């Protein structure tokens, strides 16, 4: 029986790299793609591709069964819209390509505050109307992302903590679930993937500070984080390290995403 051929966009990033590893461990034939060269030690094929160039996208999709779209540009969300449009067009032309799109849990209201989330919602709608074989996989915020938010909220001796709740998830757990979903038949919309706890950021901040030997907190209302206050709790596929377990595993690390 022929191996499922899986192309992973953004395969040099924290999520894409792990999805590639898990898909390969399940017996898939994996190819990564990015504008950059393959990361050291990447196990699988590699295609350099600019997702904003339709000709390159069409070439990259040749012969693939599944495309897992992990690439994203938080700084320029319009690039995400254009890249998804190119992938949809190339998938239609190739025929029978299963396009797996990575989105974010509970962002309907948050899209009103974030251009990036707005494009995520827009891309989901485009996929639903595309006629392509597809699966939309929503994943909650990763533990390392929450740690980065907390780092950005440090002001002198204080940590400013807005009233936000997260269902943050272990990155490797989410990557494995995403790989498994990508090897199944298209679902349209899969169950959401999220962490095993729903925690106020204040609680998460106390643990984060404790891991660093600090203790001072403030709770302000921070306008730039209003979107996170509207995140809708979800139920779906859950598991992986808890926030406390993740902190213990990364104690003293300056690289929360643990890139390899």
C-alpha atoms as a PDB file:
ATOM      1  CA  UNK A   1       0.000   0.000   0.000  1.00  0.00           C
ATOM      2  CA  UNK A   2       1.401   3.381  -1.029  1.00  0.00           C
ATOM      3  CA  UNK A   3       2.291   5.844   1.693  1.00  0.00           C
ATOM      4  CA  UNK A   4       0.149   8.956   2.116  1.00  0.00           C
ATOM      5  CA  UNK A   5       2.107  11.886   0.690  1.00  0.00           C
ATOM      6  CA  UNK A   6       1.902  14.865   3.030  1.00  0.00           C
ATOM      7  CA  UNK A   7       3.135  18.386   2.263  1.00  0.00           C
ATOM      8  CA  UNK A   8       3.520  20.672   5.287  1.00  0.00           C
ATOM      9  CA  UNK A   9       3.733  24.428   4.833  1.00  0.00           C
ATOM     10  CA  UNK A  10       5.753  26.344   7.401  1.00  0.00           C
ATOM     11  CA  UNK A  11       7.606  23.122   8.160  1.00  0.00           C
ATOM     12  CA  UNK A  12      10.567  25.014   9.633  1.00  0.00           C
ATOM     13  CA  UNK A  13       8.367  26.531  12.372  1.00  0.00           C
ATOM     14  CA  UNK A  14       7.632  25.092  15.823  1.00  0.00           C
ATOM     15  CA  UNK A  15       4.289  23.553  14.850  1.00  0.00           C
ATOM     16  CA  UNK A  16       5.100  22.465  11.306  1.00  0.00           C
ATOM     17  CA  UNK A  17       8.351  20.785  12.306  1.00  0.00           C
ATOM     18  CA  UNK A  18       6.598  18.670  14.922  1.00  0.00           C
ATOM     19  CA  UNK A  19       3.696  17.815  12.615  1.00  0.00           C
ATOM     20  CA  UNK A  20       6.248  16.549  10.090  1.00  0.00           C
ATOM     21  CA  UNK A  21       7.851  14.309  12.718  1.00  0.00           C
ATOM     22  CA  UNK A  22       4.537  12.866  13.892  1.00  0.00           C
ATOM     23  CA  UNK A  23       3.197  12.318  10.368  1.00  0.00           C
ATOM     24  CA  UNK A  24       6.405  10.475   9.434  1.00  0.00           C
ATOM     25  CA  UNK A  25       6.134   8.339  12.571  1.00  0.00           C
ATOM     26  CA  UNK A  26       2.654   7.299  11.374  1.00  0.00           C
ATOM     27  CA  UNK A  27       4.118   6.072   8.088  1.00  0.00           C
ATOM     28  CA  UNK A  28       3.410   9.072   5.852  1.00  0.00           C
ATOM     29  CA  UNK A  29       5.808  10.262   3.176  1.00  0.00           C
ATOM     30  CA  UNK A  30       6.528  13.817   4.375  1.00  0.00           C
ATOM     31  CA  UNK A  31       7.721  16.853   2.457  1.00  0.00           C
ATOM     32  CA  UNK A  32       8.241  20.215   4.120  1.00  0.00           C
ATOM     33  CA  UNK A  33       8.024  23.568   2.441  1.00  0.00           C
ATOM     34  CA  UNK A  34       8.991  27.144   3.242  1.00  0.00           C
ATOM     35  CA  UNK A  35      10.680  30.105   1.605  1.00  0.00           C
ATOM     36  CA  UNK A  36      13.754  29.103   3.565  1.00  0.00           C
ATOM     37  CA  UNK A  37      16.005  26.064   3.321  1.00  0.00           C
ATOM     38  CA  UNK A  38      15.198  22.941   5.295  1.00  0.00           C
ATOM     39  CA  UNK A  39      16.173  23.070   8.983  1.00  0.00           C
ATOM     40  CA  UNK A  40      19.118  20.916  10.028  1.00  0.00           C
ATOM     41  CA  UNK A  41      18.159  17.294  10.509  1.00  0.00           C
ATOM     42  CA  UNK A  42      14.740  17.553   8.823  1.00  0.00           C
ATOM     43  CA  UNK A  43      13.530  14.022   8.157  1.00  0.00           C
ATOM     44  CA  UNK A  44      11.777  14.070   4.790  1.00  0.00           C
ATOM     45  CA  UNK A  45      11.763  15.844   1.470  1.00  0.00           C
ATOM     46  CA  UNK A  46      11.876  19.606   1.079  1.00  0.00           C
ATOM     47  CA  UNK A  47      10.524  22.112  -1.432  1.00  0.00           C
ATOM     48  CA  UNK A  48      11.338  25.804  -1.231  1.00  0.00           C
ATOM     49  CA  UNK A  49       8.153  27.671  -2.027  1.00  0.00           C
ATOM     50  CA  UNK A  50       6.769  31.183  -1.652  1.00  0.00           C
ATOM     51  CA  UNK A  51       3.070  30.708  -0.897  1.00  0.00           C
ATOM     52  CA  UNK A  52       2.367  34.149  -2.367  1.00  0.00           C
ATOM     53  CA  UNK A  53       3.611  32.956  -5.785  1.00  0.00           C
ATOM     54  CA  UNK A  54       0.866  30.956  -7.476  1.00  0.00           C
ATOM     55  CA  UNK A  55       3.238  29.175  -9.872  1.00  0.00           C
ATOM     56  CA  UNK A  56       5.426  27.987  -7.011  1.00  0.00           C
ATOM     57  CA  UNK A  57       2.401  26.814  -5.038  1.00  0.00           C
ATOM     58  CA  UNK A  58       1.062  24.837  -7.995  1.00  0.00           C
ATOM     59  CA  UNK A  59       4.455  23.204  -8.437  1.00  0.00           C
ATOM     60  CA  UNK A  60       4.733  22.317  -4.765  1.00  0.00           C
ATOM     61  CA  UNK A  61       1.353  20.546  -4.716  1.00  0.00           C
ATOM     62  CA  UNK A  62       2.215  18.205  -7.570  1.00  0.00           C
ATOM     63  CA  UNK A  63       1.745  14.608  -6.465  1.00  0.00           C
ATOM     64  CA  UNK A  64       0.679  15.312  -2.877  1.00  0.00           C
ATOM     65  CA  UNK A  65      -2.311  13.694  -1.170  1.00  0.00           C
ATOM     66  CA  UNK A  66      -2.540  16.034   1.831  1.00  0.00           C
ATOM     67  CA  UNK A  67      -1.415  19.613   2.488  1.00  0.00           C
ATOM     68  CA  UNK A  68      -1.184  20.665   6.149  1.00  0.00           C
ATOM     69  CA  UNK A  69      -1.123  24.448   6.137  1.00  0.00           C
ATOM     70  CA  UNK A  70       0.893  25.498   9.205  1.00  0.00           C
ATOM     71  CA  UNK A  71       2.533  28.588   7.683  1.00  0.00           C
ATOM     72  CA  UNK A  72       1.271  31.910   9.028  1.00  0.00           C
ATOM     73  CA  UNK A  73       2.255  35.575   9.194  1.00  0.00           C
ATOM     74  CA  UNK A  74       0.987  37.345  12.320  1.00  0.00           C
ATOM     75  CA  UNK A  75       2.643  40.600  11.279  1.00  0.00           C
ATOM     76  CA  UNK A  76       0.929  40.748   7.878  1.00  0.00           C
ATOM     77  CA  UNK A  77      -2.415  38.893   7.952  1.00  0.00           C
ATOM     78  CA  UNK A  78      -3.149  39.759   4.323  1.00  0.00           C
ATOM     79  CA  UNK A  79      -0.335  37.387   3.370  1.00  0.00           C
ATOM     80  CA  UNK A  80      -2.291  34.621   5.118  1.00  0.00           C
ATOM     81  CA  UNK A  81      -5.372  35.386   3.040  1.00  0.00           C
ATOM     82  CA  UNK A  82      -3.396  35.434  -0.213  1.00  0.00           C
ATOM     83  CA  UNK A  83      -1.529  32.230   0.640  1.00  0.00           C
ATOM     84  CA  UNK A  84      -4.754  30.373   1.445  1.00  0.00           C
ATOM     85  CA  UNK A  85      -6.335  31.578  -1.804  1.00  0.00           C
ATOM     86  CA  UNK A  86      -3.343  30.225  -3.750  1.00  0.00           C
ATOM     87  CA  UNK A  87      -3.488  26.887  -1.942  1.00  0.00           C
ATOM     88  CA  UNK A  88      -7.216  26.567  -2.660  1.00  0.00           C
ATOM     89  CA  UNK A  89      -6.692  27.332  -6.356  1.00  0.00           C
ATOM     90  CA  UNK A  90      -3.799  24.877  -6.596  1.00  0.00           C
ATOM     91  CA  UNK A  91      -5.773  22.197  -4.735  1.00  0.00           C
ATOM     92  CA  UNK A  92      -8.674  22.569  -7.153  1.00  0.00           C
ATOM     93  CA  UNK A  93      -6.336  22.268 -10.130  1.00  0.00           C
ATOM     94  CA  UNK A  94      -4.544  19.225  -8.684  1.00  0.00           C
ATOM     95  CA  UNK A  95      -7.770  17.464  -7.680  1.00  0.00           C
ATOM     96  CA  UNK A  96      -8.295  15.134  -4.704  1.00  0.00           C
ATOM     97  CA  UNK A  97      -5.856  17.035  -2.492  1.00  0.00           C
ATOM     98  CA  UNK A  98      -6.937  17.155   1.161  1.00  0.00           C
ATOM     99  CA  UNK A  99      -6.209  20.681   2.446  1.00  0.00           C
ATOM    100  CA  UNK A 100      -5.864  20.831   6.245  1.00  0.00           C
ATOM    101  CA  UNK A 101      -6.073  24.364   7.621  1.00  0.00           C
ATOM    102  CA  UNK A 102      -4.841  25.338  11.076  1.00  0.00           C
ATOM    103  CA  UNK A 103      -7.073  27.893  12.798  1.00  0.00           C
ATOM    104  CA  UNK A 104      -7.607  29.051  16.401  1.00  0.00           C
ATOM    105  CA  UNK A 105     -10.247  28.052  18.951  1.00  0.00           C
ATOM    106  CA  UNK A 106     -13.058  30.374  19.958  1.00  0.00           C
ATOM    107  CA  UNK A 107     -12.066  33.446  17.934  1.00  0.00           C
ATOM    108  CA  UNK A 108     -15.392  34.639  16.492  1.00  0.00           C
ATOM    109  CA  UNK A 109     -15.697  37.692  18.774  1.00  0.00           C
ATOM    110  CA  UNK A 110     -11.937  38.156  19.094  1.00  0.00           C
ATOM    111  CA  UNK A 111     -11.803  38.730  15.332  1.00  0.00           C
ATOM    112  CA  UNK A 112     -13.344  42.154  15.966  1.00  0.00           C
ATOM    113  CA  UNK A 113     -10.139  43.183  17.755  1.00  0.00           C
ATOM    114  CA  UNK A 114      -7.480  41.367  15.748  1.00  0.00           C
ATOM    115  CA  UNK A 115      -6.784  41.584  11.989  1.00  0.00           C
ATOM    116  CA  UNK A 116      -4.944  38.264  12.292  1.00  0.00           C
ATOM    117  CA  UNK A 117      -7.950  36.499  13.847  1.00  0.00           C
ATOM    118  CA  UNK A 118     -10.243  38.200  11.345  1.00  0.00           C
ATOM    119  CA  UNK A 119      -8.281  36.649   8.486  1.00  0.00           C
ATOM    120  CA  UNK A 120      -8.418  33.247  10.205  1.00  0.00           C
ATOM    121  CA  UNK A 121     -12.230  33.455  10.275  1.00  0.00           C
ATOM    122  CA  UNK A 122     -12.249  34.683   6.675  1.00  0.00           C
ATOM    123  CA  UNK A 123     -10.043  31.809   5.540  1.00  0.00           C
ATOM    124  CA  UNK A 124     -12.308  29.267   7.216  1.00  0.00           C
ATOM    125  CA  UNK A 125     -15.244  30.685   5.257  1.00  0.00           C
ATOM    126  CA  UNK A 126     -13.261  30.566   1.998  1.00  0.00           C
ATOM    127  CA  UNK A 127     -12.443  26.906   2.574  1.00  0.00           C
ATOM    128  CA  UNK A 128     -16.037  25.999   3.388  1.00  0.00           C
ATOM    129  CA  UNK A 129     -17.186  27.499   0.075  1.00  0.00           C
ATOM    130  CA  UNK A 130     -14.201  26.290  -1.979  1.00  0.00           C
ATOM    131  CA  UNK A 131     -15.416  22.848  -2.983  1.00  0.00           C
ATOM    132  CA  UNK A 132     -11.991  21.477  -1.991  1.00  0.00           C
ATOM    133  CA  UNK A 133     -11.501  18.430   0.159  1.00  0.00           C
ATOM    134  CA  UNK A 134     -10.646  20.098   3.443  1.00  0.00           C
ATOM    135  CA  UNK A 135     -10.474  19.929   7.214  1.00  0.00           C
ATOM    136  CA  UNK A 136     -10.383  22.986   9.458  1.00  0.00           C
ATOM    137  CA  UNK A 137      -8.531  22.268  12.704  1.00  0.00           C
ATOM    138  CA  UNK A 138      -8.860  24.854  15.447  1.00  0.00           C
ATOM    139  CA  UNK A 139      -6.159  24.776  18.141  1.00  0.00           C
ATOM    140  CA  UNK A 140      -6.059  26.854  21.328  1.00  0.00           C
ATOM    141  CA  UNK A 141      -3.078  29.042  22.215  1.00  0.00           C
ATOM    142  CA  UNK A 142       0.140  27.146  22.904  1.00  0.00           C
ATOM    143  CA  UNK A 143       1.774  27.244  26.351  1.00  0.00           C
ATOM    144  CA  UNK A 144       4.864  29.002  24.896  1.00  0.00           C
ATOM    145  CA  UNK A 145       2.634  31.721  23.427  1.00  0.00           C
ATOM    146  CA  UNK A 146       1.137  32.445  26.854  1.00  0.00           C
ATOM    147  CA  UNK A 147       4.664  32.577  28.299  1.00  0.00           C
ATOM    148  CA  UNK A 148       5.627  35.124  25.634  1.00  0.00           C
ATOM    149  CA  UNK A 149       2.572  37.255  26.500  1.00  0.00           C
ATOM    150  CA  UNK A 150       3.586  37.238  30.161  1.00  0.00           C
ATOM    151  CA  UNK A 151       7.145  38.210  29.278  1.00  0.00           C
ATOM    152  CA  UNK A 152       5.810  41.196  27.316  1.00  0.00           C
ATOM    153  CA  UNK A 153       3.702  42.307  30.310  1.00  0.00           C
ATOM    154  CA  UNK A 154       6.672  42.719  32.643  1.00  0.00           C
ATOM    155  CA  UNK A 155       7.078  46.392  33.600  1.00  0.00           C
ATOM    156  CA  UNK A 156      10.008  46.985  35.931  1.00  0.00           C
ATOM    157  CA  UNK A 157       9.466  44.875  39.055  1.00  0.00           C
ATOM    158  CA  UNK A 158       5.793  44.265  38.179  1.00  0.00           C
ATOM    159  CA  UNK A 159       3.872  41.926  35.904  1.00  0.00           C
ATOM    160  CA  UNK A 160       0.666  43.493  34.568  1.00  0.00           C
ATOM    161  CA  UNK A 161      -2.000  40.803  34.218  1.00  0.00           C
ATOM    162  CA  UNK A 162      -5.303  41.519  32.432  1.00  0.00           C
ATOM    163  CA  UNK A 163      -8.427  39.449  33.140  1.00  0.00           C
ATOM    164  CA  UNK A 164      -8.120  36.788  30.446  1.00  0.00           C
ATOM    165  CA  UNK A 165      -8.762  33.036  30.477  1.00  0.00           C
ATOM    166  CA  UNK A 166      -6.845  30.526  28.354  1.00  0.00           C
ATOM    167  CA  UNK A 167      -7.158  26.836  27.477  1.00  0.00           C
ATOM    168  CA  UNK A 168      -3.525  26.722  26.434  1.00  0.00           C
ATOM    169  CA  UNK A 169      -2.195  23.480  25.022  1.00  0.00           C
ATOM    170  CA  UNK A 170       1.083  21.603  24.876  1.00  0.00           C
ATOM    171  CA  UNK A 171       2.624  22.217  21.443  1.00  0.00           C
ATOM    172  CA  UNK A 172       3.797  18.649  20.859  1.00  0.00           C
ATOM    173  CA  UNK A 173       0.412  17.184  21.842  1.00  0.00           C
ATOM    174  CA  UNK A 174      -1.352  19.537  19.424  1.00  0.00           C
ATOM    175  CA  UNK A 175       1.096  18.695  16.630  1.00  0.00           C
ATOM    176  CA  UNK A 176       0.518  14.970  17.073  1.00  0.00           C
ATOM    177  CA  UNK A 177      -3.267  15.376  16.997  1.00  0.00           C
ATOM    178  CA  UNK A 178      -2.995  17.576  13.906  1.00  0.00           C
ATOM    179  CA  UNK A 179      -0.833  14.968  12.165  1.00  0.00           C
ATOM    180  CA  UNK A 180      -3.332  12.212  12.997  1.00  0.00           C
ATOM    181  CA  UNK A 181      -6.257  14.291  11.717  1.00  0.00           C
ATOM    182  CA  UNK A 182      -4.403  15.055   8.489  1.00  0.00           C
ATOM    183  CA  UNK A 183      -4.086  11.324   7.759  1.00  0.00           C
ATOM    184  CA  UNK A 184      -7.833  10.750   8.151  1.00  0.00           C
ATOM    185  CA  UNK A 185     -10.546  11.423   5.593  1.00  0.00           C
ATOM    186  CA  UNK A 186     -11.533  15.108   5.160  1.00  0.00           C
ATOM    187  CA  UNK A 187     -13.900  16.211   7.945  1.00  0.00           C
ATOM    188  CA  UNK A 188     -14.808  19.765   6.984  1.00  0.00           C
ATOM    189  CA  UNK A 189     -14.339  20.788  10.613  1.00  0.00           C
ATOM    190  CA  UNK A 190     -12.539  18.551  13.085  1.00  0.00           C
ATOM    191  CA  UNK A 191     -13.015  18.630  16.858  1.00  0.00           C
ATOM    192  CA  UNK A 192     -11.062  21.509  18.386  1.00  0.00           C
ATOM    193  CA  UNK A 193      -7.717  20.781  20.036  1.00  0.00           C
ATOM    194  CA  UNK A 194      -7.121  22.410  23.418  1.00  0.00           C
ATOM    195  CA  UNK A 195      -5.340  22.003  26.729  1.00  0.00           C
ATOM    196  CA  UNK A 196      -6.633  20.022  29.718  1.00  0.00           C
ATOM    197  CA  UNK A 197      -7.323  23.128  31.832  1.00  0.00           C
ATOM    198  CA  UNK A 198      -9.159  26.432  31.565  1.00  0.00           C
ATOM    199  CA  UNK A 199      -7.159  28.922  33.641  1.00  0.00           C
ATOM    200  CA  UNK A 200      -7.304  32.656  34.329  1.00  0.00           C
ATOM    201  CA  UNK A 201      -4.119  34.383  33.188  1.00  0.00           C
ATOM    202  CA  UNK A 202      -3.710  35.580  36.787  1.00  0.00           C
ATOM    203  CA  UNK A 203      -3.368  31.960  37.956  1.00  0.00           C
ATOM    204  CA  UNK A 204      -1.000  31.151  35.111  1.00  0.00           C
ATOM    205  CA  UNK A 205       1.044  34.261  35.903  1.00  0.00           C
ATOM    206  CA  UNK A 206       1.508  33.248  39.528  1.00  0.00           C
ATOM    207  CA  UNK A 207       2.941  29.895  38.445  1.00  0.00           C
ATOM    208  CA  UNK A 208       5.086  31.568  35.791  1.00  0.00           C
ATOM    209  CA  UNK A 209       6.490  34.050  38.327  1.00  0.00           C
ATOM    210  CA  UNK A 210       7.101  31.301  40.872  1.00  0.00           C
ATOM    211  CA  UNK A 211       9.143  29.377  38.322  1.00  0.00           C
ATOM    212  CA  UNK A 212      11.306  32.476  37.998  1.00  0.00           C
ATOM    213  CA  UNK A 213      11.552  33.303  41.686  1.00  0.00           C
ATOM    214  CA  UNK A 214       9.378  36.440  41.447  1.00  0.00           C
ATOM    215  CA  UNK A 215       6.025  37.364  42.945  1.00  0.00           C
ATOM    216  CA  UNK A 216       4.694  40.856  42.106  1.00  0.00           C
ATOM    217  CA  UNK A 217       1.467  41.168  40.091  1.00  0.00           C
ATOM    218  CA  UNK A 218      -0.873  43.924  38.964  1.00  0.00           C
ATOM    219  CA  UNK A 219      -4.242  43.505  37.247  1.00  0.00           C
ATOM    220  CA  UNK A 220      -4.873  46.375  34.805  1.00  0.00           C
ATOM    221  CA  UNK A 221      -7.207  46.655  31.821  1.00  0.00           C
ATOM    222  CA  UNK A 222      -4.951  46.527  28.771  1.00  0.00           C
ATOM    223  CA  UNK A 223      -6.632  47.666  25.582  1.00  0.00           C
ATOM    224  CA  UNK A 224      -4.361  45.798  23.186  1.00  0.00           C
ATOM    225  CA  UNK A 225      -5.376  42.491  24.769  1.00  0.00           C
ATOM    226  CA  UNK A 226      -9.147  43.035  24.655  1.00  0.00           C
ATOM    227  CA  UNK A 227      -9.541  40.411  21.949  1.00  0.00           C
ATOM    228  CA  UNK A 228      -8.285  37.652  24.222  1.00  0.00           C
ATOM    229  CA  UNK A 229     -11.010  38.511  26.744  1.00  0.00           C
ATOM    230  CA  UNK A 230     -13.618  37.446  24.176  1.00  0.00           C
ATOM    231  CA  UNK A 231     -12.191  33.978  23.476  1.00  0.00           C
ATOM    232  CA  UNK A 232     -14.940  31.363  23.639  1.00  0.00           C
ATOM    233  CA  UNK A 233     -14.148  28.206  25.679  1.00  0.00           C
ATOM    234  CA  UNK A 234     -14.393  25.033  23.592  1.00  0.00           C
ATOM    235  CA  UNK A 235     -14.641  21.277  24.068  1.00  0.00           C
ATOM    236  CA  UNK A 236     -12.893  18.812  21.815  1.00  0.00           C
ATOM    237  CA  UNK A 237      -9.651  16.831  21.760  1.00  0.00           C
ATOM    238  CA  UNK A 238      -7.726  17.569  24.936  1.00  0.00           C
ATOM    239  CA  UNK A 239      -4.559  16.356  26.640  1.00  0.00           C
ATOM    240  CA  UNK A 240      -0.839  16.960  26.809  1.00  0.00           C
ATOM    241  CA  UNK A 241       1.131  18.751  29.501  1.00  0.00           C
ATOM    242  CA  UNK A 242      -0.737  21.074  31.860  1.00  0.00           C
ATOM    243  CA  UNK A 243       0.540  24.617  32.307  1.00  0.00           C
ATOM    244  CA  UNK A 244       2.326  23.670  35.549  1.00  0.00           C
ATOM    245  CA  UNK A 245       3.881  20.595  33.951  1.00  0.00           C
ATOM    246  CA  UNK A 246       5.032  22.604  30.956  1.00  0.00           C
ATOM    247  CA  UNK A 247       6.603  25.245  33.205  1.00  0.00           C
ATOM    248  CA  UNK A 248       8.465  22.545  35.133  1.00  0.00           C
ATOM    249  CA  UNK A 249       9.752  21.017  31.897  1.00  0.00           C
ATOM    250  CA  UNK A 250      10.985  24.391  30.610  1.00  0.00           C
ATOM    251  CA  UNK A 251      12.278  25.885  33.847  1.00  0.00           C
ATOM    252  CA  UNK A 252      15.204  28.181  33.098  1.00  0.00           C
ATOM    253  CA  UNK A 253      14.746  27.978  29.314  1.00  0.00           C
ATOM    254  CA  UNK A 254      15.129  31.137  27.233  1.00  0.00           C
ATOM    255  CA  UNK A 255      13.478  29.406  24.271  1.00  0.00           C
ATOM    256  CA  UNK A 256       9.865  28.604  25.267  1.00  0.00           C
ATOM    257  CA  UNK A 257       8.994  27.130  21.877  1.00  0.00           C
ATOM    258  CA  UNK A 258      11.874  24.686  22.166  1.00  0.00           C
ATOM    259  CA  UNK A 259      12.773  24.826  18.476  1.00  0.00           C
ATOM    260  CA  UNK A 260      15.037  22.027  17.403  1.00  0.00           C
END
